Amino acid sequence: MNDSELRRRELLKQTRRLYQDSAAIPAVHPRYGHIYHELYDTPDSGEGEHHSGSFFARLMLAVFLFLSFVYIEQNHLKPADISSTQIVNEIQKEISGNEMDFINTIKLN
């Protein structure tokens, strides 16, 4: 923590004491909750329990899949009789509206 962060936290504590703020967390959208806690929670507030998102897990999965694809491509492997060229073609395939009709039947049921 640098000096400006310490100063900001100290000023926040003084302001809360001045206005007798109960230090209750205001209604914060879940998307911004982590940022709020990172800025305003102090180590002695007892609210140091943060839940991390799933970004790291998703990143590791993406890296694993990419490396698997590169390995298949470099070694000319065909797992499940599917080549890397077929995988690329399926990813790049354009989907027409007619192929998406199954979604409407799902919504109707």
C-alpha atoms as a PDB file:
ATOM      1  CA  MET A   1       0.000   0.000   0.000  1.00  0.00           C
ATOM      2  CA  ASN A   2       1.396   3.403  -0.887  1.00  0.00           C
ATOM      3  CA  ASP A   3       1.045   6.668   0.988  1.00  0.00           C
ATOM      4  CA  SER A   4      -1.912   7.949  -1.006  1.00  0.00           C
ATOM      5  CA  GLU A   5      -3.918   4.777  -0.292  1.00  0.00           C
ATOM      6  CA  LEU A   6      -3.151   5.000   3.411  1.00  0.00           C
ATOM      7  CA  ARG A   7      -4.111   8.668   3.434  1.00  0.00           C
ATOM      8  CA  ARG A   8      -7.364   7.942   1.573  1.00  0.00           C
ATOM      9  CA  ARG A   9      -8.280   5.183   4.023  1.00  0.00           C
ATOM     10  CA  GLU A  10      -7.508   7.403   6.990  1.00  0.00           C
ATOM     11  CA  LEU A  11      -9.626  10.225   5.567  1.00  0.00           C
ATOM     12  CA  LEU A  12     -12.463   7.770   4.976  1.00  0.00           C
ATOM     13  CA  LYS A  13     -12.300   6.602   8.604  1.00  0.00           C
ATOM     14  CA  GLN A  14     -12.317  10.206   9.810  1.00  0.00           C
ATOM     15  CA  THR A  15     -15.301  11.062   7.632  1.00  0.00           C
ATOM     16  CA  ARG A  16     -17.232   8.037   8.890  1.00  0.00           C
ATOM     17  CA  ARG A  17     -16.495   9.014  12.487  1.00  0.00           C
ATOM     18  CA  LEU A  18     -17.486  12.616  11.794  1.00  0.00           C
ATOM     19  CA  TYR A  19     -20.855  11.704  10.312  1.00  0.00           C
ATOM     20  CA  GLN A  20     -21.346   8.658  12.573  1.00  0.00           C
ATOM     21  CA  ASP A  21     -21.569   6.393   9.586  1.00  0.00           C
ATOM     22  CA  SER A  22     -22.330   2.849  10.655  1.00  0.00           C
ATOM     23  CA  ALA A  23     -19.920   1.638   7.942  1.00  0.00           C
ATOM     24  CA  ALA A  24     -22.725  -0.371   6.387  1.00  0.00           C
ATOM     25  CA  ILE A  25     -22.028  -1.298   2.807  1.00  0.00           C
ATOM     26  CA  PRO A  26     -24.379   0.541   0.462  1.00  0.00           C
ATOM     27  CA  ALA A  27     -26.302  -1.317  -2.192  1.00  0.00           C
ATOM     28  CA  VAL A  28     -23.661  -2.048  -4.792  1.00  0.00           C
ATOM     29  CA  HIS A  29     -24.268  -3.905  -8.027  1.00  0.00           C
ATOM     30  CA  PRO A  30     -22.533  -7.319  -7.894  1.00  0.00           C
ATOM     31  CA  ARG A  31     -20.459  -6.380 -10.929  1.00  0.00           C
ATOM     32  CA  TYR A  32     -18.884  -3.505  -9.001  1.00  0.00           C
ATOM     33  CA  GLY A  33     -18.830  -5.111  -5.562  1.00  0.00           C
ATOM     34  CA  HIS A  34     -15.255  -6.329  -5.880  1.00  0.00           C
ATOM     35  CA  ILE A  35     -14.039  -2.843  -6.759  1.00  0.00           C
ATOM     36  CA  TYR A  36     -15.954  -1.321  -3.841  1.00  0.00           C
ATOM     37  CA  HIS A  37     -14.533  -3.828  -1.357  1.00  0.00           C
ATOM     38  CA  GLU A  38     -11.043  -3.394  -2.744  1.00  0.00           C
ATOM     39  CA  LEU A  39     -11.255   0.368  -2.244  1.00  0.00           C
ATOM     40  CA  TYR A  40     -13.104   0.703   1.042  1.00  0.00           C
ATOM     41  CA  ASP A  41     -12.617  -2.456   3.096  1.00  0.00           C
ATOM     42  CA  THR A  42      -9.904  -2.161   5.674  1.00  0.00           C
ATOM     43  CA  PRO A  43      -7.965  -5.138   7.039  1.00  0.00           C
ATOM     44  CA  ASP A  44      -9.528  -4.605  10.468  1.00  0.00           C
ATOM     45  CA  SER A  45     -13.095  -4.367   9.161  1.00  0.00           C
ATOM     46  CA  GLY A  46     -13.525  -8.146   9.205  1.00  0.00           C
ATOM     47  CA  GLU A  47     -14.847  -8.151   5.673  1.00  0.00           C
ATOM     48  CA  GLY A  48     -11.696  -9.405   4.056  1.00  0.00           C
ATOM     49  CA  GLU A  49     -13.431 -12.423   2.598  1.00  0.00           C
ATOM     50  CA  HIS A  50     -13.570 -11.832  -1.147  1.00  0.00           C
ATOM     51  CA  HIS A  51     -14.935 -14.214  -3.731  1.00  0.00           C
ATOM     52  CA  SER A  52     -12.889 -14.234  -6.869  1.00  0.00           C
ATOM     53  CA  GLY A  53     -14.476 -14.576 -10.254  1.00  0.00           C
ATOM     54  CA  SER A  54     -14.053 -17.395 -12.698  1.00  0.00           C
ATOM     55  CA  PHE A  55     -11.813 -15.465 -15.085  1.00  0.00           C
ATOM     56  CA  PHE A  56      -8.669 -17.393 -14.157  1.00  0.00           C
ATOM     57  CA  ALA A  57     -10.394 -20.764 -14.576  1.00  0.00           C
ATOM     58  CA  ARG A  58     -11.827 -19.720 -17.952  1.00  0.00           C
ATOM     59  CA  LEU A  59      -8.438 -18.401 -19.053  1.00  0.00           C
ATOM     60  CA  MET A  60      -6.724 -21.674 -18.119  1.00  0.00           C
ATOM     61  CA  LEU A  61      -9.399 -23.667 -19.975  1.00  0.00           C
ATOM     62  CA  ALA A  62      -8.944 -21.508 -23.083  1.00  0.00           C
ATOM     63  CA  VAL A  63      -5.153 -21.872 -22.944  1.00  0.00           C
ATOM     64  CA  PHE A  64      -5.486 -25.639 -22.494  1.00  0.00           C
ATOM     65  CA  LEU A  65      -7.857 -25.942 -25.469  1.00  0.00           C
ATOM     66  CA  PHE A  66      -5.630 -23.765 -27.639  1.00  0.00           C
ATOM     67  CA  LEU A  67      -2.519 -25.759 -26.750  1.00  0.00           C
ATOM     68  CA  SER A  68      -4.415 -28.992 -27.431  1.00  0.00           C
ATOM     69  CA  PHE A  69      -5.412 -27.675 -30.846  1.00  0.00           C
ATOM     70  CA  VAL A  70      -1.806 -26.671 -31.625  1.00  0.00           C
ATOM     71  CA  TYR A  71      -0.583 -30.112 -30.514  1.00  0.00           C
ATOM     72  CA  ILE A  72      -3.134 -31.821 -32.774  1.00  0.00           C
ATOM     73  CA  GLU A  73      -2.153 -29.573 -35.677  1.00  0.00           C
ATOM     74  CA  GLN A  74       1.619 -30.047 -35.258  1.00  0.00           C
ATOM     75  CA  ASN A  75       1.447 -33.826 -34.889  1.00  0.00           C
ATOM     76  CA  HIS A  76      -1.244 -34.315 -37.565  1.00  0.00           C
ATOM     77  CA  LEU A  77      -3.422 -36.251 -35.150  1.00  0.00           C
ATOM     78  CA  LYS A  78      -7.079 -37.074 -35.805  1.00  0.00           C
ATOM     79  CA  PRO A  79      -8.822 -37.635 -32.452  1.00  0.00           C
ATOM     80  CA  ALA A  80     -12.326 -39.026 -33.020  1.00  0.00           C
ATOM     81  CA  ASP A  81     -11.574 -38.939 -36.774  1.00  0.00           C
ATOM     82  CA  ILE A  82     -11.735 -35.138 -36.818  1.00  0.00           C
ATOM     83  CA  SER A  83      -8.841 -33.150 -38.225  1.00  0.00           C
ATOM     84  CA  SER A  84      -7.829 -29.661 -37.153  1.00  0.00           C
ATOM     85  CA  THR A  85      -8.978 -28.361 -40.546  1.00  0.00           C
ATOM     86  CA  GLN A  86     -12.485 -29.660 -39.855  1.00  0.00           C
ATOM     87  CA  ILE A  87     -12.446 -27.949 -36.444  1.00  0.00           C
ATOM     88  CA  VAL A  88     -11.472 -24.617 -38.039  1.00  0.00           C
ATOM     89  CA  ASN A  89     -14.155 -25.029 -40.717  1.00  0.00           C
ATOM     90  CA  GLU A  90     -16.846 -25.661 -38.099  1.00  0.00           C
ATOM     91  CA  ILE A  91     -15.768 -22.612 -36.106  1.00  0.00           C
ATOM     92  CA  GLN A  92     -15.871 -20.404 -39.214  1.00  0.00           C
ATOM     93  CA  LYS A  93     -19.141 -21.852 -40.515  1.00  0.00           C
ATOM     94  CA  GLU A  94     -21.931 -19.329 -41.063  1.00  0.00           C
ATOM     95  CA  ILE A  95     -25.233 -20.237 -39.447  1.00  0.00           C
ATOM     96  CA  SER A  96     -28.385 -19.341 -41.343  1.00  0.00           C
ATOM     97  CA  GLY A  97     -31.674 -18.470 -39.706  1.00  0.00           C
ATOM     98  CA  ASN A  98     -33.203 -21.786 -40.760  1.00  0.00           C
ATOM     99  CA  GLU A  99     -30.627 -23.712 -38.780  1.00  0.00           C
ATOM    100  CA  MET A 100     -31.595 -21.743 -35.672  1.00  0.00           C
ATOM    101  CA  ASP A 101     -35.308 -22.707 -35.856  1.00  0.00           C
ATOM    102  CA  PHE A 102     -34.844 -25.273 -33.108  1.00  0.00           C
ATOM    103  CA  ILE A 103     -34.504 -22.381 -30.650  1.00  0.00           C
ATOM    104  CA  ASN A 104     -38.040 -21.197 -31.453  1.00  0.00           C
ATOM    105  CA  THR A 105     -39.467 -24.666 -30.879  1.00  0.00           C
ATOM    106  CA  ILE A 106     -37.692 -24.839 -27.533  1.00  0.00           C
ATOM    107  CA  LYS A 107     -39.146 -21.470 -26.469  1.00  0.00           C
ATOM    108  CA  LEU A 108     -42.656 -22.503 -27.507  1.00  0.00           C
ATOM    109  CA  ASN A 109     -42.631 -25.661 -25.380  1.00  0.00           C
END
